[in-house]
Amino acid sequence: ALAAYNAGEKAVDRYLGVPPYAETRMYVR
């Protein structure tokens, strides 16, 4: 949910999880 809030649910669905974007990974962490 957090990854999608940052990167969008389409990106999370496309990558089958937290997308490999540094910004999104740091945001979630």
mmCIF file of all heavy atoms, coordinates in Angstrom:
data_MODEL
# 
_entry.id   MODEL 
# 
loop_
_atom_site.group_PDB 
_atom_site.id 
_atom_site.type_symbol 
_atom_site.label_atom_id 
_atom_site.label_alt_id 
_atom_site.label_comp_id 
_atom_site.label_asym_id 
_atom_site.label_entity_id 
_atom_site.label_seq_id 
_atom_site.pdbx_PDB_ins_code 
_atom_site.Cartn_x 
_atom_site.Cartn_y 
_atom_site.Cartn_z 
_atom_site.occupancy 
_atom_site.B_iso_or_equiv 
_atom_site.pdbx_formal_charge 
_atom_site.auth_seq_id 
_atom_site.auth_comp_id 
_atom_site.auth_asym_id 
_atom_site.auth_atom_id 
_atom_site.pdbx_PDB_model_num 
ATOM 1   N N   . ALA A 1 1  ? 0.836  -1.208  0.000   1.00 0.00 ? 1  ALA A N   1 
ATOM 2   C CA  . ALA A 1 1  ? 0.000  0.000   0.000   1.00 0.00 ? 1  ALA A CA  1 
ATOM 3   C C   . ALA A 1 1  ? 0.869  1.255   0.000   1.00 0.00 ? 1  ALA A C   1 
ATOM 4   O O   . ALA A 1 1  ? 0.581  2.210   -0.737  1.00 0.00 ? 1  ALA A O   1 
ATOM 5   C CB  . ALA A 1 1  ? -0.942 -0.008  1.202   1.00 0.00 ? 1  ALA A CB  1 
ATOM 6   N N   . LEU A 1 2  ? 1.918  1.269   0.792   1.00 0.00 ? 2  LEU A N   1 
ATOM 7   C CA  . LEU A 1 2  ? 2.816  2.428   0.830   1.00 0.00 ? 2  LEU A CA  1 
ATOM 8   C C   . LEU A 1 2  ? 3.543  2.604   -0.499  1.00 0.00 ? 2  LEU A C   1 
ATOM 9   O O   . LEU A 1 2  ? 3.676  3.727   -0.993  1.00 0.00 ? 2  LEU A O   1 
ATOM 10  C CB  . LEU A 1 2  ? 3.828  2.296   1.968   1.00 0.00 ? 2  LEU A CB  1 
ATOM 11  C CG  . LEU A 1 2  ? 3.255  2.382   3.375   1.00 0.00 ? 2  LEU A CG  1 
ATOM 12  C CD1 . LEU A 1 2  ? 4.322  2.048   4.405   1.00 0.00 ? 2  LEU A CD1 1 
ATOM 13  C CD2 . LEU A 1 2  ? 2.675  3.766   3.640   1.00 0.00 ? 2  LEU A CD2 1 
ATOM 14  N N   . ALA A 1 3  ? 4.016  1.504   -1.062  1.00 0.00 ? 3  ALA A N   1 
ATOM 15  C CA  . ALA A 1 3  ? 4.709  1.592   -2.355  1.00 0.00 ? 3  ALA A CA  1 
ATOM 16  C C   . ALA A 1 3  ? 3.768  2.161   -3.414  1.00 0.00 ? 3  ALA A C   1 
ATOM 17  O O   . ALA A 1 3  ? 4.170  3.006   -4.226  1.00 0.00 ? 3  ALA A O   1 
ATOM 18  C CB  . ALA A 1 3  ? 5.221  0.218   -2.768  1.00 0.00 ? 3  ALA A CB  1 
ATOM 19  N N   . ALA A 1 4  ? 2.508  1.730   -3.377  1.00 0.00 ? 4  ALA A N   1 
ATOM 20  C CA  . ALA A 1 4  ? 1.534  2.234   -4.344  1.00 0.00 ? 4  ALA A CA  1 
ATOM 21  C C   . ALA A 1 4  ? 1.189  3.692   -4.074  1.00 0.00 ? 4  ALA A C   1 
ATOM 22  O O   . ALA A 1 4  ? 0.965  4.458   -5.019  1.00 0.00 ? 4  ALA A O   1 
ATOM 23  C CB  . ALA A 1 4  ? 0.272  1.373   -4.315  1.00 0.00 ? 4  ALA A CB  1 
ATOM 24  N N   . TYR A 1 5  ? 1.144  4.090   -2.814  1.00 0.00 ? 5  TYR A N   1 
ATOM 25  C CA  . TYR A 1 5  ? 0.872  5.494   -2.499  1.00 0.00 ? 5  TYR A CA  1 
ATOM 26  C C   . TYR A 1 5  ? 1.963  6.363   -3.118  1.00 0.00 ? 5  TYR A C   1 
ATOM 27  O O   . TYR A 1 5  ? 1.702  7.442   -3.635  1.00 0.00 ? 5  TYR A O   1 
ATOM 28  C CB  . TYR A 1 5  ? 0.805  5.707   -0.983  1.00 0.00 ? 5  TYR A CB  1 
ATOM 29  C CG  . TYR A 1 5  ? 0.143  7.004   -0.589  1.00 0.00 ? 5  TYR A CG  1 
ATOM 30  C CD1 . TYR A 1 5  ? -1.197 7.033   -0.215  1.00 0.00 ? 5  TYR A CD1 1 
ATOM 31  C CD2 . TYR A 1 5  ? 0.830  8.212   -0.602  1.00 0.00 ? 5  TYR A CD2 1 
ATOM 32  C CE1 . TYR A 1 5  ? -1.828 8.226   0.127   1.00 0.00 ? 5  TYR A CE1 1 
ATOM 33  C CE2 . TYR A 1 5  ? 0.214  9.406   -0.263  1.00 0.00 ? 5  TYR A CE2 1 
ATOM 34  C CZ  . TYR A 1 5  ? -1.105 9.412   0.098   1.00 0.00 ? 5  TYR A CZ  1 
ATOM 35  O OH  . TYR A 1 5  ? -1.731 10.596  0.434   1.00 0.00 ? 5  TYR A OH  1 
ATOM 36  N N   . ASN A 1 6  ? 3.193  5.873   -3.122  1.00 0.00 ? 6  ASN A N   1 
ATOM 37  C CA  . ASN A 1 6  ? 4.323  6.632   -3.658  1.00 0.00 ? 6  ASN A CA  1 
ATOM 38  C C   . ASN A 1 6  ? 4.462  6.505   -5.174  1.00 0.00 ? 6  ASN A C   1 
ATOM 39  O O   . ASN A 1 6  ? 4.649  7.501   -5.859  1.00 0.00 ? 6  ASN A O   1 
ATOM 40  C CB  . ASN A 1 6  ? 5.615  6.180   -2.973  1.00 0.00 ? 6  ASN A CB  1 
ATOM 41  C CG  . ASN A 1 6  ? 6.830  6.921   -3.481  1.00 0.00 ? 6  ASN A CG  1 
ATOM 42  O OD1 . ASN A 1 6  ? 7.528  6.410   -4.350  1.00 0.00 ? 6  ASN A OD1 1 
ATOM 43  N ND2 . ASN A 1 6  ? 7.065  8.106   -2.968  1.00 0.00 ? 6  ASN A ND2 1 
ATOM 44  N N   . ALA A 1 7  ? 4.379  5.290   -5.684  1.00 0.00 ? 7  ALA A N   1 
ATOM 45  C CA  . ALA A 1 7  ? 4.679  5.056   -7.101  1.00 0.00 ? 7  ALA A CA  1 
ATOM 46  C C   . ALA A 1 7  ? 3.450  4.752   -7.952  1.00 0.00 ? 7  ALA A C   1 
ATOM 47  O O   . ALA A 1 7  ? 3.556  4.718   -9.174  1.00 0.00 ? 7  ALA A O   1 
ATOM 48  C CB  . ALA A 1 7  ? 5.668  3.889   -7.221  1.00 0.00 ? 7  ALA A CB  1 
ATOM 49  N N   . GLY A 1 8  ? 2.314  4.513   -7.306  1.00 0.00 ? 8  GLY A N   1 
ATOM 50  C CA  . GLY A 1 8  ? 1.092  4.167   -8.028  1.00 0.00 ? 8  GLY A CA  1 
ATOM 51  C C   . GLY A 1 8  ? 0.864  2.668   -8.044  1.00 0.00 ? 8  GLY A C   1 
ATOM 52  O O   . GLY A 1 8  ? 1.817  1.888   -8.096  1.00 0.00 ? 8  GLY A O   1 
ATOM 53  N N   . GLU A 1 9  ? -0.401 2.283   -7.985  1.00 0.00 ? 9  GLU A N   1 
ATOM 54  C CA  . GLU A 1 9  ? -0.705 0.856   -7.925  1.00 0.00 ? 9  GLU A CA  1 
ATOM 55  C C   . GLU A 1 9  ? -0.328 0.125   -9.208  1.00 0.00 ? 9  GLU A C   1 
ATOM 56  O O   . GLU A 1 9  ? 0.018  -1.056  -9.185  1.00 0.00 ? 9  GLU A O   1 
ATOM 57  C CB  . GLU A 1 9  ? -2.157 0.590   -7.530  1.00 0.00 ? 9  GLU A CB  1 
ATOM 58  C CG  . GLU A 1 9  ? -3.200 1.138   -8.445  1.00 0.00 ? 9  GLU A CG  1 
ATOM 59  C CD  . GLU A 1 9  ? -3.774 2.479   -8.025  1.00 0.00 ? 9  GLU A CD  1 
ATOM 60  O OE1 . GLU A 1 9  ? -3.144 3.234   -7.255  1.00 0.00 ? 9  GLU A OE1 1 
ATOM 61  O OE2 . GLU A 1 9  ? -4.879 2.790   -8.506  1.00 0.00 ? 9  GLU A OE2 1 
ATOM 62  N N   . LYS A 1 10 ? -0.322 0.826   -10.344 1.00 0.00 ? 10 LYS A N   1 
ATOM 63  C CA  . LYS A 1 10 ? 0.070  0.167   -11.596 1.00 0.00 ? 10 LYS A CA  1 
ATOM 64  C C   . LYS A 1 10 ? 1.528  -0.281  -11.549 1.00 0.00 ? 10 LYS A C   1 
ATOM 65  O O   . LYS A 1 10 ? 1.866  -1.368  -12.029 1.00 0.00 ? 10 LYS A O   1 
ATOM 66  C CB  . LYS A 1 10 ? -0.180 1.084   -12.791 1.00 0.00 ? 10 LYS A CB  1 
ATOM 67  C CG  . LYS A 1 10 ? -1.647 1.246   -13.102 1.00 0.00 ? 10 LYS A CG  1 
ATOM 68  C CD  . LYS A 1 10 ? -1.883 2.175   -14.270 1.00 0.00 ? 10 LYS A CD  1 
ATOM 69  C CE  . LYS A 1 10 ? -3.379 2.358   -14.471 1.00 0.00 ? 10 LYS A CE  1 
ATOM 70  N NZ  . LYS A 1 10 ? -3.687 3.437   -15.393 1.00 0.00 ? 10 LYS A NZ  1 
ATOM 71  N N   . ALA A 1 11 ? 2.395  0.536   -10.953 1.00 0.00 ? 11 ALA A N   1 
ATOM 72  C CA  . ALA A 1 11 ? 3.808  0.166   -10.839 1.00 0.00 ? 11 ALA A CA  1 
ATOM 73  C C   . ALA A 1 11 ? 3.978  -1.030  -9.903  1.00 0.00 ? 11 ALA A C   1 
ATOM 74  O O   . ALA A 1 11 ? 4.747  -1.953  -10.198 1.00 0.00 ? 11 ALA A O   1 
ATOM 75  C CB  . ALA A 1 11 ? 4.632  1.348   -10.332 1.00 0.00 ? 11 ALA A CB  1 
ATOM 76  N N   . VAL A 1 12 ? 3.265  -1.038  -8.791  1.00 0.00 ? 12 VAL A N   1 
ATOM 77  C CA  . VAL A 1 12 ? 3.359  -2.155  -7.845  1.00 0.00 ? 12 VAL A CA  1 
ATOM 78  C C   . VAL A 1 12 ? 2.861  -3.432  -8.496  1.00 0.00 ? 12 VAL A C   1 
ATOM 79  O O   . VAL A 1 12 ? 3.490  -4.490  -8.378  1.00 0.00 ? 12 VAL A O   1 
ATOM 80  C CB  . VAL A 1 12 ? 2.588  -1.831  -6.541  1.00 0.00 ? 12 VAL A CB  1 
ATOM 81  C CG1 . VAL A 1 12 ? 2.525  -3.040  -5.627  1.00 0.00 ? 12 VAL A CG1 1 
ATOM 82  C CG2 . VAL A 1 12 ? 3.244  -0.664  -5.815  1.00 0.00 ? 12 VAL A CG2 1 
ATOM 83  N N   . ASP A 1 13 ? 1.758  -3.355  -9.210  1.00 0.00 ? 13 ASP A N   1 
ATOM 84  C CA  . ASP A 1 13 ? 1.225  -4.535  -9.893  1.00 0.00 ? 13 ASP A CA  1 
ATOM 85  C C   . ASP A 1 13 ? 2.185  -5.015  -10.985 1.00 0.00 ? 13 ASP A C   1 
ATOM 86  O O   . ASP A 1 13 ? 2.421  -6.218  -11.135 1.00 0.00 ? 13 ASP A O   1 
ATOM 87  C CB  . ASP A 1 13 ? -0.150 -4.243  -10.480 1.00 0.00 ? 13 ASP A CB  1 
ATOM 88  C CG  . ASP A 1 13 ? -1.248 -4.166  -9.422  1.00 0.00 ? 13 ASP A CG  1 
ATOM 89  O OD1 . ASP A 1 13 ? -0.980 -4.450  -8.230  1.00 0.00 ? 13 ASP A OD1 1 
ATOM 90  O OD2 . ASP A 1 13 ? -2.381 -3.808  -9.796  1.00 0.00 ? 13 ASP A OD2 1 
ATOM 91  N N   . ARG A 1 14 ? 2.749  -4.099  -11.740 1.00 0.00 ? 14 ARG A N   1 
ATOM 92  C CA  . ARG A 1 14 ? 3.662  -4.456  -12.833 1.00 0.00 ? 14 ARG A CA  1 
ATOM 93  C C   . ARG A 1 14 ? 4.897  -5.192  -12.309 1.00 0.00 ? 14 ARG A C   1 
ATOM 94  O O   . ARG A 1 14 ? 5.345  -6.170  -12.895 1.00 0.00 ? 14 ARG A O   1 
ATOM 95  C CB  . ARG A 1 14 ? 4.079  -3.200  -13.606 1.00 0.00 ? 14 ARG A CB  1 
ATOM 96  C CG  . ARG A 1 14 ? 5.008  -3.484  -14.775 1.00 0.00 ? 14 ARG A CG  1 
ATOM 97  C CD  . ARG A 1 14 ? 5.314  -2.271  -15.653 1.00 0.00 ? 14 ARG A CD  1 
ATOM 98  N NE  . ARG A 1 14 ? 5.698  -1.086  -14.928 1.00 0.00 ? 14 ARG A NE  1 
ATOM 99  C CZ  . ARG A 1 14 ? 4.955  0.031   -14.828 1.00 0.00 ? 14 ARG A CZ  1 
ATOM 100 N NH1 . ARG A 1 14 ? 3.782  0.096   -15.402 1.00 0.00 ? 14 ARG A NH1 1 
ATOM 101 N NH2 . ARG A 1 14 ? 5.396  1.076   -14.171 1.00 0.00 ? 14 ARG A NH2 1 
ATOM 102 N N   . TYR A 1 15 ? 5.425  -4.731  -11.175 1.00 0.00 ? 15 TYR A N   1 
ATOM 103 C CA  . TYR A 1 15 ? 6.636  -5.334  -10.608 1.00 0.00 ? 15 TYR A CA  1 
ATOM 104 C C   . TYR A 1 15 ? 6.323  -6.457  -9.615  1.00 0.00 ? 15 TYR A C   1 
ATOM 105 O O   . TYR A 1 15 ? 7.234  -7.018  -9.018  1.00 0.00 ? 15 TYR A O   1 
ATOM 106 C CB  . TYR A 1 15 ? 7.512  -4.269  -9.948  1.00 0.00 ? 15 TYR A CB  1 
ATOM 107 C CG  . TYR A 1 15 ? 8.221  -3.403  -10.957 1.00 0.00 ? 15 TYR A CG  1 
ATOM 108 C CD1 . TYR A 1 15 ? 7.769  -2.124  -11.235 1.00 0.00 ? 15 TYR A CD1 1 
ATOM 109 C CD2 . TYR A 1 15 ? 9.332  -3.879  -11.646 1.00 0.00 ? 15 TYR A CD2 1 
ATOM 110 C CE1 . TYR A 1 15 ? 8.420  -1.324  -12.173 1.00 0.00 ? 15 TYR A CE1 1 
ATOM 111 C CE2 . TYR A 1 15 ? 9.988  -3.094  -12.587 1.00 0.00 ? 15 TYR A CE2 1 
ATOM 112 C CZ  . TYR A 1 15 ? 9.521  -1.822  -12.847 1.00 0.00 ? 15 TYR A CZ  1 
ATOM 113 O OH  . TYR A 1 15 ? 10.170 -1.047  -13.774 1.00 0.00 ? 15 TYR A OH  1 
ATOM 114 N N   . LEU A 1 16 ? 5.042  -6.769  -9.421  1.00 0.00 ? 16 LEU A N   1 
ATOM 115 C CA  . LEU A 1 16 ? 4.622  -7.814  -8.485  1.00 0.00 ? 16 LEU A CA  1 
ATOM 116 C C   . LEU A 1 16 ? 5.176  -7.566  -7.085  1.00 0.00 ? 16 LEU A C   1 
ATOM 117 O O   . LEU A 1 16 ? 5.598  -8.487  -6.384  1.00 0.00 ? 16 LEU A O   1 
ATOM 118 C CB  . LEU A 1 16 ? 5.036  -9.206  -8.988  1.00 0.00 ? 16 LEU A CB  1 
ATOM 119 C CG  . LEU A 1 16 ? 4.487  -9.609  -10.354 1.00 0.00 ? 16 LEU A CG  1 
ATOM 120 C CD1 . LEU A 1 16 ? 5.029  -10.966 -10.772 1.00 0.00 ? 16 LEU A CD1 1 
ATOM 121 C CD2 . LEU A 1 16 ? 2.964  -9.622  -10.347 1.00 0.00 ? 16 LEU A CD2 1 
ATOM 122 N N   . GLY A 1 17 ? 5.186  -6.311  -6.692  1.00 0.00 ? 17 GLY A N   1 
ATOM 123 C CA  . GLY A 1 17 ? 5.683  -5.936  -5.369  1.00 0.00 ? 17 GLY A CA  1 
ATOM 124 C C   . GLY A 1 17 ? 6.220  -4.516  -5.391  1.00 0.00 ? 17 GLY A C   1 
ATOM 125 O O   . GLY A 1 17 ? 5.925  -3.743  -6.308  1.00 0.00 ? 17 GLY A O   1 
ATOM 126 N N   . VAL A 1 18 ? 7.029  -4.186  -4.394  1.00 0.00 ? 18 VAL A N   1 
ATOM 127 C CA  . VAL A 1 18 ? 7.605  -2.838  -4.317  1.00 0.00 ? 18 VAL A CA  1 
ATOM 128 C C   . VAL A 1 18 ? 8.492  -2.631  -5.536  1.00 0.00 ? 18 VAL A C   1 
ATOM 129 O O   . VAL A 1 18 ? 9.409  -3.427  -5.793  1.00 0.00 ? 18 VAL A O   1 
ATOM 130 C CB  . VAL A 1 18 ? 8.418  -2.660  -3.015  1.00 0.00 ? 18 VAL A CB  1 
ATOM 131 C CG1 . VAL A 1 18 ? 9.063  -1.279  -2.964  1.00 0.00 ? 18 VAL A CG1 1 
ATOM 132 C CG2 . VAL A 1 18 ? 7.530  -2.881  -1.787  1.00 0.00 ? 18 VAL A CG2 1 
ATOM 133 N N   . PRO A 1 19 ? 8.225  -1.582  -6.326  1.00 0.00 ? 19 PRO A N   1 
ATOM 134 C CA  . PRO A 1 19 ? 9.031  -1.341  -7.529  1.00 0.00 ? 19 PRO A CA  1 
ATOM 135 C C   . PRO A 1 19 ? 10.496 -1.072  -7.177  1.00 0.00 ? 19 PRO A C   1 
ATOM 136 O O   . PRO A 1 19 ? 10.805 -0.620  -6.074  1.00 0.00 ? 19 PRO A O   1 
ATOM 137 C CB  . PRO A 1 19 ? 8.394  -0.097  -8.152  1.00 0.00 ? 19 PRO A CB  1 
ATOM 138 C CG  . PRO A 1 19 ? 7.054  0.017   -7.534  1.00 0.00 ? 19 PRO A CG  1 
ATOM 139 C CD  . PRO A 1 19 ? 7.168  -0.596  -6.170  1.00 0.00 ? 19 PRO A CD  1 
ATOM 140 N N   . PRO A 1 20 ? 11.387 -1.313  -8.128  1.00 0.00 ? 20 PRO A N   1 
ATOM 141 C CA  . PRO A 1 20 ? 12.815 -1.124  -7.861  1.00 0.00 ? 20 PRO A CA  1 
ATOM 142 C C   . PRO A 1 20 ? 13.278 0.330   -7.943  1.00 0.00 ? 20 PRO A C   1 
ATOM 143 O O   . PRO A 1 20 ? 14.415 0.604   -8.333  1.00 0.00 ? 20 PRO A O   1 
ATOM 144 C CB  . PRO A 1 20 ? 13.470 -1.983  -8.951  1.00 0.00 ? 20 PRO A CB  1 
ATOM 145 C CG  . PRO A 1 20 ? 12.516 -1.890  -10.095 1.00 0.00 ? 20 PRO A CG  1 
ATOM 146 C CD  . PRO A 1 20 ? 11.144 -1.868  -9.458  1.00 0.00 ? 20 PRO A CD  1 
ATOM 147 N N   . TYR A 1 21 ? 12.416 1.258   -7.586  1.00 0.00 ? 21 TYR A N   1 
ATOM 148 C CA  . TYR A 1 21 ? 12.776 2.673   -7.610  1.00 0.00 ? 21 TYR A CA  1 
ATOM 149 C C   . TYR A 1 21 ? 13.388 3.027   -6.253  1.00 0.00 ? 21 TYR A C   1 
ATOM 150 O O   . TYR A 1 21 ? 12.770 2.768   -5.213  1.00 0.00 ? 21 TYR A O   1 
ATOM 151 C CB  . TYR A 1 21 ? 11.558 3.560   -7.837  1.00 0.00 ? 21 TYR A CB  1 
ATOM 152 C CG  . TYR A 1 21 ? 10.632 3.156   -8.965  1.00 0.00 ? 21 TYR A CG  1 
ATOM 153 C CD1 . TYR A 1 21 ? 9.272  3.377   -8.853  1.00 0.00 ? 21 TYR A CD1 1 
ATOM 154 C CD2 . TYR A 1 21 ? 11.104 2.574   -10.133 1.00 0.00 ? 21 TYR A CD2 1 
ATOM 155 C CE1 . TYR A 1 21 ? 8.398  3.031   -9.877  1.00 0.00 ? 21 TYR A CE1 1 
ATOM 156 C CE2 . TYR A 1 21 ? 10.244 2.219   -11.162 1.00 0.00 ? 21 TYR A CE2 1 
ATOM 157 C CZ  . TYR A 1 21 ? 8.895  2.454   -11.027 1.00 0.00 ? 21 TYR A CZ  1 
ATOM 158 O OH  . TYR A 1 21 ? 8.035  2.102   -12.040 1.00 0.00 ? 21 TYR A OH  1 
ATOM 159 N N   . ALA A 1 22 ? 14.560 3.648   -6.269  1.00 0.00 ? 22 ALA A N   1 
ATOM 160 C CA  . ALA A 1 22 ? 15.233 4.002   -5.017  1.00 0.00 ? 22 ALA A CA  1 
ATOM 161 C C   . ALA A 1 22 ? 14.330 4.865   -4.136  1.00 0.00 ? 22 ALA A C   1 
ATOM 162 O O   . ALA A 1 22 ? 14.233 4.633   -2.917  1.00 0.00 ? 22 ALA A O   1 
ATOM 163 C CB  . ALA A 1 22 ? 16.553 4.722   -5.311  1.00 0.00 ? 22 ALA A CB  1 
ATOM 164 N N   . GLU A 1 23 ? 13.663 5.847   -4.733  1.00 0.00 ? 23 GLU A N   1 
ATOM 165 C CA  . GLU A 1 23 ? 12.795 6.740   -3.955  1.00 0.00 ? 23 GLU A CA  1 
ATOM 166 C C   . GLU A 1 23 ? 11.678 5.955   -3.261  1.00 0.00 ? 23 GLU A C   1 
ATOM 167 O O   . GLU A 1 23 ? 11.411 6.156   -2.070  1.00 0.00 ? 23 GLU A O   1 
ATOM 168 C CB  . GLU A 1 23 ? 12.169 7.801   -4.864  1.00 0.00 ? 23 GLU A CB  1 
ATOM 169 C CG  . GLU A 1 23 ? 11.154 8.676   -4.149  1.00 0.00 ? 23 GLU A CG  1 
ATOM 170 C CD  . GLU A 1 23 ? 10.317 9.533   -5.090  1.00 0.00 ? 23 GLU A CD  1 
ATOM 171 O OE1 . GLU A 1 23 ? 10.809 9.928   -6.166  1.00 0.00 ? 23 GLU A OE1 1 
ATOM 172 O OE2 . GLU A 1 23 ? 9.165  9.811   -4.735  1.00 0.00 ? 23 GLU A OE2 1 
ATOM 173 N N   . THR A 1 24 ? 11.045 5.052   -3.991  1.00 0.00 ? 24 THR A N   1 
ATOM 174 C CA  . THR A 1 24 ? 9.935  4.283   -3.422  1.00 0.00 ? 24 THR A CA  1 
ATOM 175 C C   . THR A 1 24 ? 10.426 3.337   -2.337  1.00 0.00 ? 24 THR A C   1 
ATOM 176 O O   . THR A 1 24 ? 9.810  3.228   -1.275  1.00 0.00 ? 24 THR A O   1 
ATOM 177 C CB  . THR A 1 24 ? 9.201  3.504   -4.531  1.00 0.00 ? 24 THR A CB  1 
ATOM 178 O OG1 . THR A 1 24 ? 8.721  4.450   -5.499  1.00 0.00 ? 24 THR A OG1 1 
ATOM 179 C CG2 . THR A 1 24 ? 8.039  2.701   -3.978  1.00 0.00 ? 24 THR A CG2 1 
ATOM 180 N N   . ARG A 1 25 ? 11.530 2.686   -2.562  1.00 0.00 ? 25 ARG A N   1 
ATOM 181 C CA  . ARG A 1 25 ? 12.067 1.761   -1.551  1.00 0.00 ? 25 ARG A CA  1 
ATOM 182 C C   . ARG A 1 25 ? 12.433 2.499   -0.264  1.00 0.00 ? 25 ARG A C   1 
ATOM 183 O O   . ARG A 1 25 ? 12.161 2.010   0.828   1.00 0.00 ? 25 ARG A O   1 
ATOM 184 C CB  . ARG A 1 25 ? 13.240 0.977   -2.115  1.00 0.00 ? 25 ARG A CB  1 
ATOM 185 C CG  . ARG A 1 25 ? 12.756 -0.015  -3.161  1.00 0.00 ? 25 ARG A CG  1 
ATOM 186 C CD  . ARG A 1 25 ? 13.870 -0.856  -3.739  1.00 0.00 ? 25 ARG A CD  1 
ATOM 187 N NE  . ARG A 1 25 ? 13.277 -1.765  -4.700  1.00 0.00 ? 25 ARG A NE  1 
ATOM 188 C CZ  . ARG A 1 25 ? 13.228 -3.073  -4.545  1.00 0.00 ? 25 ARG A CZ  1 
ATOM 189 N NH1 . ARG A 1 25 ? 13.723 -3.637  -3.483  1.00 0.00 ? 25 ARG A NH1 1 
ATOM 190 N NH2 . ARG A 1 25 ? 12.664 -3.830  -5.464  1.00 0.00 ? 25 ARG A NH2 1 
ATOM 191 N N   . MET A 1 26 ? 13.043 3.666   -0.400  1.00 0.00 ? 26 MET A N   1 
ATOM 192 C CA  . MET A 1 26 ? 13.394 4.456   0.781   1.00 0.00 ? 26 MET A CA  1 
ATOM 193 C C   . MET A 1 26 ? 12.136 4.961   1.480   1.00 0.00 ? 26 MET A C   1 
ATOM 194 O O   . MET A 1 26 ? 12.043 4.957   2.713   1.00 0.00 ? 26 MET A O   1 
ATOM 195 C CB  . MET A 1 26 ? 14.291 5.638   0.390   1.00 0.00 ? 26 MET A CB  1 
ATOM 196 C CG  . MET A 1 26 ? 14.805 6.423   1.579   1.00 0.00 ? 26 MET A CG  1 
ATOM 197 S SD  . MET A 1 26 ? 15.768 5.444   2.762   1.00 0.00 ? 26 MET A SD  1 
ATOM 198 C CE  . MET A 1 26 ? 17.209 5.091   1.793   1.00 0.00 ? 26 MET A CE  1 
ATOM 199 N N   . TYR A 1 27 ? 11.164 5.390   0.733   1.00 0.00 ? 27 TYR A N   1 
ATOM 200 C CA  . TYR A 1 27 ? 9.885  5.860   1.257   1.00 0.00 ? 27 TYR A CA  1 
ATOM 201 C C   . TYR A 1 27 ? 9.233  4.771   2.103   1.00 0.00 ? 27 TYR A C   1 
ATOM 202 O O   . TYR A 1 27 ? 8.839  5.000   3.249   1.00 0.00 ? 27 TYR A O   1 
ATOM 203 C CB  . TYR A 1 27 ? 8.999  6.247   0.061   1.00 0.00 ? 27 TYR A CB  1 
ATOM 204 C CG  . TYR A 1 27 ? 7.589  6.652   0.372   1.00 0.00 ? 27 TYR A CG  1 
ATOM 205 C CD1 . TYR A 1 27 ? 7.271  7.983   0.621   1.00 0.00 ? 27 TYR A CD1 1 
ATOM 206 C CD2 . TYR A 1 27 ? 6.550  5.722   0.371   1.00 0.00 ? 27 TYR A CD2 1 
ATOM 207 C CE1 . TYR A 1 27 ? 5.961  8.367   0.868   1.00 0.00 ? 27 TYR A CE1 1 
ATOM 208 C CE2 . TYR A 1 27 ? 5.242  6.098   0.615   1.00 0.00 ? 27 TYR A CE2 1 
ATOM 209 C CZ  . TYR A 1 27 ? 4.949  7.425   0.868   1.00 0.00 ? 27 TYR A CZ  1 
ATOM 210 O OH  . TYR A 1 27 ? 3.664  7.815   1.119   1.00 0.00 ? 27 TYR A OH  1 
ATOM 211 N N   . VAL A 1 28 ? 9.132  3.574   1.546   1.00 0.00 ? 28 VAL A N   1 
ATOM 212 C CA  . VAL A 1 28 ? 8.520  2.451   2.264   1.00 0.00 ? 28 VAL A CA  1 
ATOM 213 C C   . VAL A 1 28 ? 9.327  2.134   3.519   1.00 0.00 ? 28 VAL A C   1 
ATOM 214 O O   . VAL A 1 28 ? 8.769  1.956   4.603   1.00 0.00 ? 28 VAL A O   1 
ATOM 215 C CB  . VAL A 1 28 ? 8.396  1.212   1.348   1.00 0.00 ? 28 VAL A CB  1 
ATOM 216 C CG1 . VAL A 1 28 ? 7.996  -0.026  2.145   1.00 0.00 ? 28 VAL A CG1 1 
ATOM 217 C CG2 . VAL A 1 28 ? 7.400  1.475   0.226   1.00 0.00 ? 28 VAL A CG2 1 
ATOM 218 N N   . ARG A 1 29 ? 10.638 2.075   3.382   1.00 0.00 ? 29 ARG A N   1 
ATOM 219 C CA  . ARG A 1 29 ? 11.511 1.747   4.520   1.00 0.00 ? 29 ARG A CA  1 
ATOM 220 C C   . ARG A 1 29 ? 11.332 2.747   5.667   1.00 0.00 ? 29 ARG A C   1 
ATOM 221 O O   . ARG A 1 29 ? 11.213 2.353   6.829   1.00 0.00 ? 29 ARG A O   1 
ATOM 222 C CB  . ARG A 1 29 ? 12.962 1.719   4.043   1.00 0.00 ? 29 ARG A CB  1 
ATOM 223 C CG  . ARG A 1 29 ? 13.871 0.893   4.919   1.00 0.00 ? 29 ARG A CG  1 
ATOM 224 C CD  . ARG A 1 29 ? 15.275 0.722   4.325   1.00 0.00 ? 29 ARG A CD  1 
ATOM 225 N NE  . ARG A 1 29 ? 15.221 0.086   3.014   1.00 0.00 ? 29 ARG A NE  1 
ATOM 226 C CZ  . ARG A 1 29 ? 15.852 0.561   1.925   1.00 0.00 ? 29 ARG A CZ  1 
ATOM 227 N NH1 . ARG A 1 29 ? 16.570 1.655   1.981   1.00 0.00 ? 29 ARG A NH1 1 
ATOM 228 N NH2 . ARG A 1 29 ? 15.751 -0.062  0.787   1.00 0.00 ? 29 ARG A NH2 1 
# 
